[in-house]
């Protein structure tokens, strides 16, 4: 199935997708703050990309907020982790690389003593 938008329209639409300060992230921040934990946001001095959303340095803990679509998870009942209908070759490989990168980031952080 071909894309229904021209390249400029698709680019504009994709440009509106934010990667920081999104609703799920804000909910997690409110919950963590509600239990009295202090944290830092998006610390880039830790290994891996994307950087952790929350860093609780005093306890050596980091929190990632991974969306179902972009970061994939093994729950087959989640309707948000579905694949697009078009360009399956592109999306399957892209999303698999994202998942593998996330796993590598977690391993690297755990190896240097951080809890994820």
N, C-alpha and C. Protein backbone atom coordinates (compact mmCIF):
# COMPACT_ATOMS: atom_id res chain seq x y z
N UNK A 1 0.85 -1.18 0.00
CA UNK A 1 0.00 0.00 0.00
C UNK A 1 0.89 1.24 0.00
N UNK A 2 0.65 2.15 -0.89
CA UNK A 2 1.46 3.36 -1.02
C UNK A 2 1.02 4.40 0.01
N UNK A 3 1.94 5.30 0.31
CA UNK A 3 1.63 6.38 1.25
C UNK A 3 0.58 7.29 0.62
N UNK A 4 -0.39 7.70 1.40
CA UNK A 4 -1.47 8.54 0.89
C UNK A 4 -1.11 10.02 0.90
N UNK A 5 0.03 10.37 1.50
CA UNK A 5 0.46 11.76 1.56
C UNK A 5 1.70 11.95 0.69
N UNK A 6 1.86 13.16 0.16
CA UNK A 6 3.09 13.45 -0.57
C UNK A 6 4.21 13.65 0.45
N UNK A 7 5.44 13.63 0.00
CA UNK A 7 6.60 13.66 0.89
C UNK A 7 6.59 14.87 1.82
N UNK A 8 6.24 16.04 1.32
CA UNK A 8 6.23 17.26 2.16
C UNK A 8 5.16 17.18 3.24
N UNK A 9 3.99 16.64 2.89
CA UNK A 9 2.92 16.49 3.88
C UNK A 9 3.30 15.48 4.96
N UNK A 10 3.91 14.36 4.56
CA UNK A 10 4.34 13.35 5.53
C UNK A 10 5.41 13.94 6.45
N UNK A 11 6.34 14.69 5.89
CA UNK A 11 7.40 15.31 6.68
C UNK A 11 6.82 16.27 7.71
N UNK A 12 5.86 17.08 7.28
CA UNK A 12 5.24 18.02 8.20
C UNK A 12 4.52 17.29 9.33
N UNK A 13 3.79 16.25 8.98
CA UNK A 13 3.04 15.49 9.98
C UNK A 13 3.99 14.83 10.98
N UNK A 14 5.06 14.22 10.49
CA UNK A 14 6.02 13.55 11.37
C UNK A 14 6.77 14.57 12.24
N UNK A 15 6.92 15.79 11.74
CA UNK A 15 7.60 16.84 12.50
C UNK A 15 6.83 17.27 13.73
N UNK A 16 5.55 16.96 13.79
CA UNK A 16 4.74 17.33 14.95
C UNK A 16 4.83 16.31 16.08
N UNK A 17 5.50 15.19 15.84
CA UNK A 17 5.63 14.17 16.87
C UNK A 17 6.74 14.58 17.82
N UNK A 18 6.38 14.80 19.07
CA UNK A 18 7.36 15.23 20.06
C UNK A 18 8.04 14.02 20.69
N UNK A 19 9.23 14.23 21.23
CA UNK A 19 9.91 13.14 21.92
C UNK A 19 10.25 13.48 23.36
N UNK A 20 9.94 14.68 23.81
CA UNK A 20 10.15 15.07 25.21
C UNK A 20 8.92 15.79 25.71
N UNK A 21 8.68 15.65 27.02
CA UNK A 21 7.57 16.33 27.69
C UNK A 21 6.20 15.93 27.13
N UNK A 22 6.08 14.66 26.78
CA UNK A 22 4.80 14.14 26.27
C UNK A 22 3.94 13.68 27.45
N UNK A 23 2.66 13.45 27.21
CA UNK A 23 1.73 13.14 28.29
C UNK A 23 2.15 11.95 29.17
N UNK A 24 2.54 10.81 28.58
CA UNK A 24 2.94 9.71 29.46
C UNK A 24 4.14 10.07 30.34
N UNK A 25 5.08 10.80 29.78
CA UNK A 25 6.24 11.24 30.56
C UNK A 25 5.81 12.17 31.69
N UNK A 26 4.91 13.08 31.41
CA UNK A 26 4.46 14.01 32.44
C UNK A 26 3.73 13.28 33.57
N UNK A 27 2.98 12.23 33.24
CA UNK A 27 2.30 11.43 34.28
C UNK A 27 3.31 10.76 35.20
N UNK A 28 4.34 10.18 34.59
CA UNK A 28 5.38 9.51 35.38
C UNK A 28 6.09 10.54 36.27
N UNK A 29 6.38 11.69 35.74
CA UNK A 29 7.04 12.73 36.53
C UNK A 29 6.20 13.14 37.73
N UNK A 30 4.88 13.30 37.52
CA UNK A 30 3.99 13.66 38.63
C UNK A 30 3.96 12.57 39.70
N UNK A 31 3.92 11.31 39.25
CA UNK A 31 3.89 10.20 40.21
C UNK A 31 5.17 10.15 41.04
N UNK A 32 6.31 10.27 40.38
CA UNK A 32 7.59 10.21 41.08
C UNK A 32 7.72 11.38 42.04
N UNK A 33 7.35 12.54 41.61
CA UNK A 33 7.40 13.73 42.47
C UNK A 33 6.41 13.58 43.63
N UNK A 34 5.27 12.94 43.38
CA UNK A 34 4.25 12.75 44.39
C UNK A 34 4.70 11.88 45.56
N UNK A 35 5.63 10.97 45.30
CA UNK A 35 6.14 10.12 46.38
C UNK A 35 7.39 10.73 47.02
N UNK A 36 7.71 11.94 46.62
CA UNK A 36 8.79 12.68 47.27
C UNK A 36 10.17 12.48 46.69
N UNK A 37 10.29 11.86 45.53
CA UNK A 37 11.60 11.66 44.91
C UNK A 37 12.00 12.89 44.10
N UNK A 38 13.25 13.26 44.22
CA UNK A 38 13.78 14.34 43.39
C UNK A 38 14.52 13.70 42.22
N UNK A 39 14.46 14.34 41.09
CA UNK A 39 15.06 13.76 39.89
C UNK A 39 15.56 14.86 38.97
N UNK A 40 16.35 14.46 38.00
CA UNK A 40 16.80 15.34 36.93
C UNK A 40 16.22 14.81 35.63
N UNK A 41 16.02 15.71 34.68
CA UNK A 41 15.42 15.34 33.40
C UNK A 41 16.47 15.18 32.31
N UNK A 42 16.31 14.16 31.49
CA UNK A 42 17.04 14.00 30.23
C UNK A 42 18.55 14.24 30.38
N UNK A 43 19.18 13.56 31.33
CA UNK A 43 20.62 13.73 31.54
C UNK A 43 21.39 13.05 30.41
N UNK A 44 22.16 13.83 29.69
CA UNK A 44 22.86 13.28 28.53
C UNK A 44 24.24 12.74 28.87
N UNK A 45 24.65 12.81 30.16
CA UNK A 45 25.97 12.29 30.51
C UNK A 45 25.95 10.79 30.78
N UNK A 46 24.80 10.17 30.66
CA UNK A 46 24.70 8.72 30.80
C UNK A 46 24.75 8.08 29.42
N UNK A 47 25.18 6.82 29.34
CA UNK A 47 25.28 6.17 28.03
C UNK A 47 23.91 5.90 27.41
N UNK A 48 23.91 5.85 26.09
CA UNK A 48 22.71 5.46 25.35
C UNK A 48 21.90 6.62 24.84
N UNK A 49 21.22 6.36 23.75
CA UNK A 49 20.26 7.29 23.17
C UNK A 49 19.00 6.49 22.87
N UNK A 50 17.83 6.94 23.13
CA UNK A 50 17.53 8.21 23.77
C UNK A 50 17.94 8.18 25.24
N UNK A 51 18.21 9.35 25.77
CA UNK A 51 18.65 9.45 27.16
C UNK A 51 17.49 9.13 28.09
N UNK A 52 17.79 8.71 29.34
CA UNK A 52 16.71 8.44 30.28
C UNK A 52 15.87 9.69 30.53
N UNK A 53 14.58 9.49 30.73
CA UNK A 53 13.67 10.60 31.00
C UNK A 53 13.92 11.16 32.39
N UNK A 54 14.00 10.28 33.37
CA UNK A 54 14.25 10.71 34.75
C UNK A 54 15.51 10.05 35.27
N UNK A 55 16.33 10.82 35.97
CA UNK A 55 17.53 10.29 36.60
C UNK A 55 17.44 10.61 38.08
N UNK A 56 17.42 9.57 38.90
CA UNK A 56 17.42 9.73 40.35
C UNK A 56 18.83 9.37 40.79
N UNK A 57 19.71 10.36 40.76
CA UNK A 57 21.14 10.13 40.93
C UNK A 57 21.48 9.56 42.31
N UNK A 58 20.83 10.05 43.36
CA UNK A 58 21.14 9.58 44.70
C UNK A 58 20.93 8.10 44.89
N UNK A 59 20.04 7.52 44.13
CA UNK A 59 19.74 6.09 44.22
C UNK A 59 20.26 5.30 43.02
N UNK A 60 20.95 5.98 42.11
CA UNK A 60 21.46 5.39 40.87
C UNK A 60 20.36 4.65 40.12
N UNK A 61 19.27 5.36 39.88
CA UNK A 61 18.14 4.80 39.14
C UNK A 61 17.80 5.71 37.98
N UNK A 62 17.38 5.10 36.89
CA UNK A 62 16.93 5.86 35.73
C UNK A 62 15.57 5.32 35.30
N UNK A 63 14.78 6.19 34.69
CA UNK A 63 13.45 5.80 34.20
C UNK A 63 13.35 6.20 32.74
N UNK A 64 12.97 5.24 31.91
CA UNK A 64 12.65 5.51 30.52
C UNK A 64 11.14 5.44 30.39
N UNK A 65 10.56 6.25 29.54
CA UNK A 65 9.15 6.15 29.22
C UNK A 65 9.08 5.81 27.74
N UNK A 66 8.92 4.52 27.47
CA UNK A 66 8.93 4.03 26.09
C UNK A 66 7.51 3.83 25.59
N UNK A 67 7.22 4.44 24.45
CA UNK A 67 5.91 4.27 23.83
C UNK A 67 5.80 2.89 23.21
N UNK A 68 4.60 2.38 23.19
CA UNK A 68 4.34 1.03 22.67
C UNK A 68 4.74 0.90 21.20
N UNK A 69 4.44 1.90 20.39
CA UNK A 69 4.70 1.80 18.96
C UNK A 69 6.19 1.87 18.67
N UNK A 70 6.87 2.91 19.12
CA UNK A 70 8.26 3.15 18.74
C UNK A 70 9.24 2.18 19.37
N UNK A 71 8.93 1.71 20.56
CA UNK A 71 9.91 0.90 21.28
C UNK A 71 9.54 -0.57 21.40
N UNK A 72 8.35 -0.95 20.93
CA UNK A 72 7.90 -2.34 20.88
C UNK A 72 7.98 -3.00 22.25
N UNK A 73 7.09 -3.85 22.53
CA UNK A 73 7.14 -4.67 23.72
C UNK A 73 6.44 -5.98 23.41
N UNK A 74 6.68 -6.99 24.23
CA UNK A 74 6.19 -8.32 23.86
C UNK A 74 4.72 -8.60 24.18
N UNK A 75 3.96 -7.64 24.67
CA UNK A 75 2.56 -7.89 25.03
C UNK A 75 1.70 -7.95 23.76
N UNK A 76 1.24 -9.14 23.37
CA UNK A 76 0.47 -9.26 22.13
C UNK A 76 -0.93 -8.65 22.21
N UNK A 77 -1.41 -8.38 23.41
CA UNK A 77 -2.77 -7.84 23.54
C UNK A 77 -2.80 -6.31 23.44
N UNK A 78 -1.64 -5.67 23.36
CA UNK A 78 -1.60 -4.20 23.29
C UNK A 78 -1.86 -3.75 21.85
N UNK A 79 -2.93 -2.98 21.67
CA UNK A 79 -3.27 -2.52 20.33
C UNK A 79 -2.38 -1.35 19.88
N UNK A 80 -1.65 -0.74 20.80
CA UNK A 80 -0.78 0.39 20.44
C UNK A 80 0.54 -0.07 19.85
N UNK A 81 0.89 -1.32 20.02
CA UNK A 81 2.15 -1.85 19.50
C UNK A 81 1.96 -2.49 18.13
N UNK A 82 0.95 -2.06 17.41
CA UNK A 82 0.67 -2.64 16.10
C UNK A 82 1.64 -2.09 15.05
N UNK A 83 1.69 -2.76 13.92
CA UNK A 83 2.52 -2.31 12.81
C UNK A 83 1.68 -1.49 11.84
N UNK A 84 2.31 -0.52 11.17
CA UNK A 84 1.58 0.23 10.14
C UNK A 84 1.17 -0.69 9.00
N UNK A 85 0.25 -0.23 8.18
CA UNK A 85 -0.24 -1.04 7.07
C UNK A 85 0.62 -0.91 5.82
N UNK A 86 1.38 0.18 5.72
CA UNK A 86 2.20 0.38 4.53
C UNK A 86 3.68 0.33 4.89
N UNK A 87 4.51 0.08 3.90
CA UNK A 87 5.96 0.05 4.02
C UNK A 87 6.44 -0.88 5.15
N UNK A 88 5.89 -2.08 5.18
CA UNK A 88 6.21 -3.02 6.25
C UNK A 88 7.69 -3.35 6.33
N UNK A 89 8.37 -3.47 5.19
CA UNK A 89 9.80 -3.78 5.21
C UNK A 89 10.56 -2.73 6.00
N UNK A 90 10.26 -1.47 5.74
CA UNK A 90 10.91 -0.36 6.44
C UNK A 90 10.59 -0.39 7.93
N UNK A 91 9.30 -0.47 8.27
CA UNK A 91 8.88 -0.34 9.67
C UNK A 91 9.33 -1.50 10.53
N UNK A 92 9.27 -2.72 10.02
CA UNK A 92 9.68 -3.87 10.82
C UNK A 92 11.15 -3.75 11.20
N UNK A 93 12.00 -3.41 10.22
CA UNK A 93 13.43 -3.29 10.53
C UNK A 93 13.70 -2.08 11.42
N UNK A 94 13.04 -0.96 11.19
CA UNK A 94 13.24 0.25 12.00
C UNK A 94 12.87 0.00 13.46
N UNK A 95 11.70 -0.58 13.68
CA UNK A 95 11.23 -0.80 15.04
C UNK A 95 12.04 -1.88 15.75
N UNK A 96 12.53 -2.86 15.02
CA UNK A 96 13.38 -3.89 15.62
C UNK A 96 14.71 -3.29 16.05
N UNK A 97 15.26 -2.40 15.25
CA UNK A 97 16.51 -1.72 15.63
C UNK A 97 16.28 -0.88 16.89
N UNK A 98 15.15 -0.20 16.99
CA UNK A 98 14.83 0.57 18.20
C UNK A 98 14.80 -0.34 19.42
N UNK A 99 14.13 -1.48 19.30
CA UNK A 99 14.02 -2.41 20.42
C UNK A 99 15.39 -2.94 20.84
N UNK A 100 16.21 -3.31 19.88
CA UNK A 100 17.55 -3.81 20.18
C UNK A 100 18.41 -2.73 20.82
N UNK A 101 18.30 -1.50 20.33
CA UNK A 101 19.05 -0.38 20.92
C UNK A 101 18.64 -0.16 22.37
N UNK A 102 17.34 -0.22 22.65
CA UNK A 102 16.86 -0.04 24.02
C UNK A 102 17.42 -1.12 24.94
N UNK A 103 17.43 -2.37 24.49
CA UNK A 103 17.98 -3.46 25.29
C UNK A 103 19.46 -3.24 25.56
N UNK A 104 20.21 -2.80 24.56
CA UNK A 104 21.64 -2.54 24.73
C UNK A 104 21.86 -1.40 25.72
N UNK A 105 21.03 -0.36 25.65
CA UNK A 105 21.15 0.76 26.60
C UNK A 105 20.93 0.30 28.03
N UNK A 106 19.91 -0.54 28.23
CA UNK A 106 19.62 -1.05 29.58
C UNK A 106 20.80 -1.87 30.09
N UNK A 107 21.33 -2.76 29.25
CA UNK A 107 22.48 -3.58 29.66
C UNK A 107 23.67 -2.70 30.05
N UNK A 108 23.94 -1.68 29.24
CA UNK A 108 25.09 -0.81 29.50
C UNK A 108 24.91 -0.04 30.80
N UNK A 109 23.72 0.47 31.04
CA UNK A 109 23.47 1.19 32.30
C UNK A 109 23.59 0.26 33.50
N UNK A 110 23.06 -0.96 33.38
CA UNK A 110 23.16 -1.92 34.48
C UNK A 110 24.60 -2.31 34.76
N UNK A 111 25.42 -2.42 33.70
CA UNK A 111 26.82 -2.79 33.88
C UNK A 111 27.59 -1.74 34.66
N UNK A 112 27.20 -0.48 34.56
CA UNK A 112 27.91 0.57 35.31
C UNK A 112 27.21 0.90 36.62
N UNK A 113 26.27 0.04 37.02
CA UNK A 113 25.69 0.13 38.36
C UNK A 113 24.39 0.88 38.49
N UNK A 114 23.74 1.20 37.40
CA UNK A 114 22.45 1.91 37.46
C UNK A 114 21.30 0.91 37.40
N UNK A 115 20.23 1.20 38.12
CA UNK A 115 19.02 0.39 38.04
C UNK A 115 18.07 1.06 37.07
N UNK A 116 17.54 0.29 36.14
CA UNK A 116 16.66 0.84 35.11
C UNK A 116 15.24 0.40 35.41
